[in-house]
Amino acid sequence: MIDEGRVNPEIVQQITAVRAALDGALGVIVEDLVEHKA
């Protein structure tokens, strides 16, 4: 995106979306680990 000349708010928005997706995936993984330990 930087190479394409996108402005900072667009880049920040995409980074925020990626972080949210990773947080969601991590939550699923942790939940699965907790359920299988019990």
Protein backbone atom coordinates (compact mmCIF):
# COMPACT_ATOMS: atom_id res chain seq x y z
CA MET A 1 0.00 0.00 0.00
CA ILE A 2 2.85 2.36 0.77
CA ASP A 3 4.41 1.61 -2.61
CA GLU A 4 1.06 2.45 -4.21
CA GLY A 5 1.08 5.89 -2.59
CA ARG A 6 -1.87 5.27 -0.31
CA VAL A 7 -2.45 7.84 2.42
CA ASN A 8 -1.76 7.05 6.07
CA PRO A 9 -5.40 6.70 7.26
CA GLU A 10 -5.97 3.92 4.70
CA ILE A 11 -2.83 2.12 5.80
CA VAL A 12 -3.75 2.44 9.48
CA GLN A 13 -7.25 1.13 8.73
CA GLN A 14 -5.83 -1.95 7.01
CA ILE A 15 -3.33 -2.60 9.80
CA THR A 16 -6.15 -2.32 12.34
CA ALA A 17 -8.24 -4.81 10.37
CA VAL A 18 -5.35 -7.27 10.20
CA ARG A 19 -4.70 -6.95 13.93
CA ALA A 20 -8.39 -7.57 14.69
CA ALA A 21 -8.37 -10.67 12.50
CA LEU A 22 -5.23 -11.99 14.20
CA ASP A 23 -6.71 -11.30 17.64
CA GLY A 24 -9.81 -13.25 16.64
CA ALA A 25 -7.77 -16.18 15.38
CA LEU A 26 -5.67 -16.18 18.54
CA GLY A 27 -8.83 -16.19 20.64
CA VAL A 28 -10.13 -19.26 18.82
CA ILE A 29 -6.81 -21.06 19.26
CA VAL A 30 -6.59 -20.25 22.98
CA GLU A 31 -10.21 -21.27 23.52
CA ASP A 32 -9.55 -24.57 21.77
CA LEU A 33 -6.47 -25.21 23.90
CA VAL A 34 -8.37 -24.47 27.11
CA GLU A 35 -11.25 -26.74 26.14
CA HIS A 36 -8.93 -29.66 25.37
CA LYS A 37 -6.95 -29.31 28.61
CA ALA A 38 -10.02 -29.67 30.80
